[in-house]
C-alpha atoms as a PDB file:
ATOM      1  CA  GLY A   1      10.090 -27.200  -0.786  1.00  0.00           C
ATOM      2  CA  LEU A   2       8.582 -28.121   2.581  1.00  0.00           C
ATOM      3  CA  ASP A   3       6.958 -25.214   4.380  1.00  0.00           C
ATOM      4  CA  ALA A   4       9.510 -22.955   5.823  1.00  0.00           C
ATOM      5  CA  ASP A   5       8.009 -22.415   9.234  1.00  0.00           C
ATOM      6  CA  GLY A   6      11.555 -22.151  10.650  1.00  0.00           C
ATOM      7  CA  ARG A   7      14.876 -20.700   9.586  1.00  0.00           C
ATOM      8  CA  VAL A   8      18.362 -21.706   9.167  1.00  0.00           C
ATOM      9  CA  VAL A   9      21.533 -19.296   9.144  1.00  0.00           C
ATOM     10  CA  GLU A  10      23.885 -19.847   6.221  1.00  0.00           C
ATOM     11  CA  ARG A  11      26.677 -17.402   5.304  1.00  0.00           C
ATOM     12  CA  GLY A  12      25.328 -14.963   7.928  1.00  0.00           C
ATOM     13  CA  VAL A  13      21.888 -14.857   6.423  1.00  0.00           C
ATOM     14  CA  ASN A  14      18.543 -15.995   7.754  1.00  0.00           C
ATOM     15  CA  LEU A  15      17.221 -18.486   5.130  1.00  0.00           C
ATOM     16  CA  PRO A  16      13.916 -20.519   5.138  1.00  0.00           C
ATOM     17  CA  SER A  17      13.839 -23.979   6.625  1.00  0.00           C
ATOM     18  CA  PRO A  18      11.361 -26.533   8.017  1.00  0.00           C
ATOM     19  CA  ALA A  19      11.210 -26.228  11.860  1.00  0.00           C
ATOM     20  CA  SER A  20      10.958 -29.946  12.306  1.00  0.00           C
ATOM     21  CA  GLY A  21      11.124 -33.122  10.572  1.00  0.00           C
ATOM     22  CA  PRO A  22      13.914 -34.732   8.509  1.00  0.00           C
ATOM     23  CA  ALA A  23      14.587 -31.477   6.562  1.00  0.00           C
ATOM     24  CA  ALA A  24      14.769 -29.272   9.582  1.00  0.00           C
ATOM     25  CA  GLY A  25      17.919 -27.148   9.441  1.00  0.00           C
ATOM     26  CA  ARG A  26      18.170 -27.466   5.705  1.00  0.00           C
ATOM     27  CA  LEU A  27      17.388 -24.889   3.265  1.00  0.00           C
ATOM     28  CA  SER A  28      13.788 -24.917   1.875  1.00  0.00           C
ATOM     29  CA  ILE A  29      13.041 -23.277  -1.347  1.00  0.00           C
ATOM     30  CA  ASP A  30       9.682 -22.610  -3.205  1.00  0.00           C
ATOM     31  CA  SER A  31      11.336 -22.067  -6.472  1.00  0.00           C
ATOM     32  CA  GLU A  32       9.100 -19.946  -8.938  1.00  0.00           C
ATOM     33  CA  ALA A  33      11.568 -18.479 -11.239  1.00  0.00           C
ATOM     34  CA  LEU A  34      14.689 -19.832 -13.000  1.00  0.00           C
ATOM     35  CA  ARG A  35      17.135 -17.976 -15.166  1.00  0.00           C
ATOM     36  CA  PHE A  36      20.210 -19.468 -16.806  1.00  0.00           C
ATOM     37  CA  LEU A  37      23.147 -17.454 -17.787  1.00  0.00           C
ATOM     38  CA  LYS A  38      25.484 -18.099 -20.805  1.00  0.00           C
ATOM     39  CA  ASP A  39      28.036 -19.801 -18.525  1.00  0.00           C
ATOM     40  CA  GLY A  40      25.480 -22.356 -17.295  1.00  0.00           C
ATOM     41  CA  SER A  41      25.225 -20.650 -13.949  1.00  0.00           C
ATOM     42  CA  PHE A  42      21.779 -19.715 -12.762  1.00  0.00           C
ATOM     43  CA  TYR A  43      19.321 -17.766 -10.494  1.00  0.00           C
ATOM     44  CA  VAL A  44      16.433 -19.195  -8.757  1.00  0.00           C
ATOM     45  CA  GLY A  45      13.607 -16.905  -7.491  1.00  0.00           C
ATOM     46  CA  ASP A  46      12.003 -18.231  -4.301  1.00  0.00           C
ATOM     47  CA  GLU A  47       8.698 -17.404  -2.622  1.00  0.00           C
ATOM     48  CA  TYR A  48       9.571 -18.133   0.997  1.00  0.00           C
ATOM     49  CA  GLY A  49      12.422 -15.831   1.491  1.00  0.00           C
ATOM     50  CA  PRO A  50      11.789 -14.153  -0.846  1.00  0.00           C
ATOM     51  CA  ASN A  51      15.331 -14.569  -1.843  1.00  0.00           C
ATOM     52  CA  ILE A  52      17.154 -15.189  -5.219  1.00  0.00           C
ATOM     53  CA  TYR A  53      19.717 -17.878  -5.185  1.00  0.00           C
ATOM     54  CA  TYR A  54      22.749 -17.940  -7.498  1.00  0.00           C
ATOM     55  CA  PHE A  55      24.078 -21.284  -8.311  1.00  0.00           C
ATOM     56  CA  ALA A  56      27.100 -22.412 -10.261  1.00  0.00           C
ATOM     57  CA  ALA A  57      26.730 -24.437 -13.398  1.00  0.00           C
ATOM     58  CA  SER A  58      27.513 -27.502 -11.145  1.00  0.00           C
ATOM     59  CA  GLY A  59      24.448 -26.764  -9.049  1.00  0.00           C
ATOM     60  CA  ARG A  60      26.463 -25.622  -6.050  1.00  0.00           C
ATOM     61  CA  LEU A  61      24.912 -22.643  -4.146  1.00  0.00           C
ATOM     62  CA  GLN A  62      27.243 -19.650  -4.674  1.00  0.00           C
ATOM     63  CA  GLY A  63      25.352 -16.781  -2.952  1.00  0.00           C
ATOM     64  CA  VAL A  64      22.051 -15.359  -1.818  1.00  0.00           C
ATOM     65  CA  ILE A  65      20.527 -12.046  -2.793  1.00  0.00           C
ATOM     66  CA  VAL A  66      18.346 -11.032   0.002  1.00  0.00           C
ATOM     67  CA  PRO A  67      15.770  -8.249  -0.770  1.00  0.00           C
ATOM     68  CA  PRO A  68      15.452  -4.842   1.096  1.00  0.00           C
ATOM     69  CA  PRO A  69      14.111  -5.239   4.577  1.00  0.00           C
ATOM     70  CA  ALA A  70      10.725  -3.919   3.654  1.00  0.00           C
ATOM     71  CA  ILE A  71      10.051  -7.059   1.523  1.00  0.00           C
ATOM     72  CA  LEU A  72      11.163  -9.573   4.078  1.00  0.00           C
ATOM     73  CA  PRO A  73       8.126 -11.313   5.602  1.00  0.00           C
ATOM     74  CA  MET A  74       7.618 -10.235   9.200  1.00  0.00           C
ATOM     75  CA  ASP A  75       4.893 -11.178  11.834  1.00  0.00           C
ATOM     76  CA  ALA A  76       4.453  -9.922  15.359  1.00  0.00           C
ATOM     77  CA  LYS A  77       7.490 -12.081  16.577  1.00  0.00           C
ATOM     78  CA  GLY A  78       9.813 -11.085  13.833  1.00  0.00           C
ATOM     79  CA  MET A  79      10.908 -12.778  10.622  1.00  0.00           C
ATOM     80  CA  ASN A  80       8.601 -15.526   9.411  1.00  0.00           C
ATOM     81  CA  PHE A  81       9.063 -17.489   6.267  1.00  0.00           C
ATOM     82  CA  THR A  82       5.962 -19.889   6.505  1.00  0.00           C
ATOM     83  CA  SER A  83       3.487 -19.901   3.658  1.00  0.00           C
ATOM     84  CA  ARG A  84       0.717 -20.978   6.002  1.00  0.00           C
ATOM     85  CA  ARG A  85      -0.145 -17.712   7.699  1.00  0.00           C
ATOM     86  CA  GLY A  86       0.288 -14.095   6.730  1.00  0.00           C
ATOM     87  CA  GLY A  87       2.520 -11.418   8.482  1.00  0.00           C
ATOM     88  CA  VAL A  88       2.206  -7.776   9.257  1.00  0.00           C
ATOM     89  CA  SER A  89       4.687  -6.529   6.575  1.00  0.00           C
ATOM     90  CA  GLY A  90       6.762  -7.756   3.646  1.00  0.00           C
ATOM     91  CA  ARG A  91       5.928 -10.331   0.983  1.00  0.00           C
ATOM     92  CA  ARG A  92       2.437 -11.926   1.475  1.00  0.00           C
ATOM     93  CA  ALA A  93       2.356 -15.527   2.577  1.00  0.00           C
ATOM     94  CA  ASN A  94       3.707 -17.628  -0.340  1.00  0.00           C
ATOM     95  CA  GLN A  95       3.895 -14.720  -2.707  1.00  0.00           C
ATOM     96  CA  GLY A  96       7.531 -13.960  -3.188  1.00  0.00           C
ATOM     97  CA  PHE A  97       9.780 -13.637  -6.260  1.00  0.00           C
ATOM     98  CA  GLU A  98       7.446 -15.138  -9.175  1.00  0.00           C
ATOM     99  CA  GLY A  99       9.766 -13.855 -11.943  1.00  0.00           C
ATOM    100  CA  VAL A 100      13.521 -13.459 -12.445  1.00  0.00           C
ATOM    101  CA  GLY A 101      15.058 -12.175 -15.728  1.00  0.00           C
ATOM    102  CA  VAL A 102      18.395 -11.035 -17.027  1.00  0.00           C
ATOM    103  CA  THR A 103      18.942  -8.283 -19.599  1.00  0.00           C
ATOM    104  CA  PRO A 104      20.372  -9.497 -22.939  1.00  0.00           C
ATOM    105  CA  ASP A 105      23.743  -8.009 -22.331  1.00  0.00           C
ATOM    106  CA  GLY A 106      23.913 -10.153 -18.909  1.00  0.00           C
ATOM    107  CA  ALA A 107      24.562  -7.180 -16.769  1.00  0.00           C
ATOM    108  CA  THR A 108      21.249  -6.635 -14.948  1.00  0.00           C
ATOM    109  CA  LEU A 109      19.052  -8.864 -12.902  1.00  0.00           C
ATOM    110  CA  ILE A 110      15.368  -8.106 -12.545  1.00  0.00           C
ATOM    111  CA  ALA A 111      13.098  -9.766 -10.082  1.00  0.00           C
ATOM    112  CA  LEU A 112       9.315  -9.254  -9.586  1.00  0.00           C
ATOM    113  CA  LEU A 113       7.248 -10.148  -6.473  1.00  0.00           C
ATOM    114  CA  GLN A 114       3.931 -11.980  -7.148  1.00  0.00           C
ATOM    115  CA  SER A 115       1.927  -9.284  -5.588  1.00  0.00           C
ATOM    116  CA  ALA A 116       1.914  -6.378  -3.329  1.00  0.00           C
ATOM    117  CA  THR A 117       3.686  -6.373   0.029  1.00  0.00           C
ATOM    118  CA  LEU A 118       1.476  -6.316   3.038  1.00  0.00           C
ATOM    119  CA  GLN A 119       2.186  -2.806   4.016  1.00  0.00           C
ATOM    120  CA  ASP A 120       1.605  -1.577   0.286  1.00  0.00           C
ATOM    121  CA  SER A 121      -1.917  -3.055   0.168  1.00  0.00           C
ATOM    122  CA  GLY A 122      -3.499  -3.979   3.414  1.00  0.00           C
ATOM    123  CA  ALA A 123      -4.994  -7.253   4.419  1.00  0.00           C
ATOM    124  CA  LYS A 124      -7.529  -7.711   1.548  1.00  0.00           C
ATOM    125  CA  GLN A 125      -6.259  -9.781  -1.348  1.00  0.00           C
ATOM    126  CA  VAL A 126      -8.241  -7.622  -3.856  1.00  0.00           C
ATOM    127  CA  SER A 127      -6.296  -4.561  -3.061  1.00  0.00           C
ATOM    128  CA  ARG A 128      -2.802  -6.092  -4.006  1.00  0.00           C
ATOM    129  CA  ALA A 129      -2.558  -4.857  -7.643  1.00  0.00           C
ATOM    130  CA  ASN A 130       0.745  -2.777  -7.167  1.00  0.00           C
ATOM    131  CA  THR A 131       3.692  -5.083  -6.929  1.00  0.00           C
ATOM    132  CA  ARG A 132       7.563  -4.464  -6.574  1.00  0.00           C
ATOM    133  CA  LEU A 133      10.117  -4.947  -9.263  1.00  0.00           C
ATOM    134  CA  LEU A 134      13.677  -4.897  -8.229  1.00  0.00           C
ATOM    135  CA  VAL A 135      16.673  -4.315 -10.461  1.00  0.00           C
ATOM    136  CA  TYR A 136      20.296  -5.442  -9.622  1.00  0.00           C
ATOM    137  CA  ASP A 137      23.597  -4.757 -11.313  1.00  0.00           C
ATOM    138  CA  ILE A 138      25.250  -8.147 -11.680  1.00  0.00           C
ATOM    139  CA  SER A 139      28.101  -6.959 -14.087  1.00  0.00           C
ATOM    140  CA  LYS A 140      30.828  -7.194 -11.506  1.00  0.00           C
ATOM    141  CA  ASP A 141      29.117  -9.205  -8.722  1.00  0.00           C
ATOM    142  CA  ARG A 142      26.628 -11.974  -9.303  1.00  0.00           C
ATOM    143  CA  VAL A 143      25.365 -11.575  -5.820  1.00  0.00           C
ATOM    144  CA  PRO A 144      24.874  -7.891  -5.269  1.00  0.00           C
ATOM    145  CA  ALA A 145      23.913  -6.673  -1.712  1.00  0.00           C
ATOM    146  CA  GLN A 146      21.496  -4.052  -2.780  1.00  0.00           C
ATOM    147  CA  PRO A 147      19.104  -3.252  -5.789  1.00  0.00           C
ATOM    148  CA  VAL A 148      20.240  -0.287  -7.942  1.00  0.00           C
ATOM    149  CA  ALA A 149      16.615   0.512  -8.556  1.00  0.00           C
ATOM    150  CA  SER A 150      13.082  -0.474  -7.336  1.00  0.00           C
ATOM    151  CA  TYR A 151       9.910   0.189  -8.911  1.00  0.00           C
ATOM    152  CA  VAL A 152       6.095  -0.179  -8.517  1.00  0.00           C
ATOM    153  CA  LEU A 153       4.425  -2.140 -11.170  1.00  0.00           C
ATOM    154  CA  GLN A 154       0.646  -2.182 -11.441  1.00  0.00           C
ATOM    155  CA  LEU A 155      -0.644  -5.686 -12.344  1.00  0.00           C
ATOM    156  CA  PRO A 156      -3.710  -6.017 -14.366  1.00  0.00           C
ATOM    157  CA  VAL A 157      -6.986  -6.958 -12.463  1.00  0.00           C
ATOM    158  CA  TYR A 158      -9.529  -9.213 -14.066  1.00  0.00           C
ATOM    159  CA  THR A 159     -13.191  -9.282 -13.429  1.00  0.00           C
ATOM    160  CA  GLN A 160     -14.748 -12.266 -11.532  1.00  0.00           C
ATOM    161  CA  ALA A 161     -17.079 -12.804 -14.466  1.00  0.00           C
ATOM    162  CA  GLY A 162     -14.409 -14.992 -16.131  1.00  0.00           C
ATOM    163  CA  ASP A 163     -14.970 -12.950 -19.486  1.00  0.00           C
ATOM    164  CA  GLY A 164     -11.406 -11.794 -19.901  1.00  0.00           C
ATOM    165  CA  LYS A 165     -12.181  -8.189 -19.361  1.00  0.00           C
ATOM    166  CA  ILE A 166      -9.887  -6.108 -17.214  1.00  0.00           C
ATOM    167  CA  GLY A 167     -11.611  -4.672 -14.131  1.00  0.00           C
ATOM    168  CA  ARG A 168     -10.465  -1.959 -11.562  1.00  0.00           C
ATOM    169  CA  ALA A 169      -8.591  -2.518  -8.442  1.00  0.00           C
ATOM    170  CA  HIS A 170     -10.630  -2.053  -5.422  1.00  0.00           C
END
């Protein structure tokens, strides 16, 4: 997707969009995760929003799962989806939903951020070892408004030596 340095409002939701050029006003997705369901419909995890988009088997957008406010990318002026500069809270620039999965029974959607939110880790990249895992009940509604659970997940940290050994977070 083209860098989402702007936004477009669809279905009452602020969504990432280029601010200018031929794609301005259109949804821009930096898709990082894809999960098909048995009926052919599918979820796409996005880094810009970070949002989770739900599509019918035909490819038509059916809805958007917006994460809790603490995960939305904010800068001093408000919501900012760009991947070119960091914000003050929410997901780090270009580090939204990296993984999306569905439990074998098809009732639960699980989404994982690539790394820690800014407020959970500070500005230094080396301190981003704790990320967020969100759990949604999709048994009755494929586009739920809120997660049913949220967890902190500690990511492995590897040494700079490139020897495959796990180091400690700083």
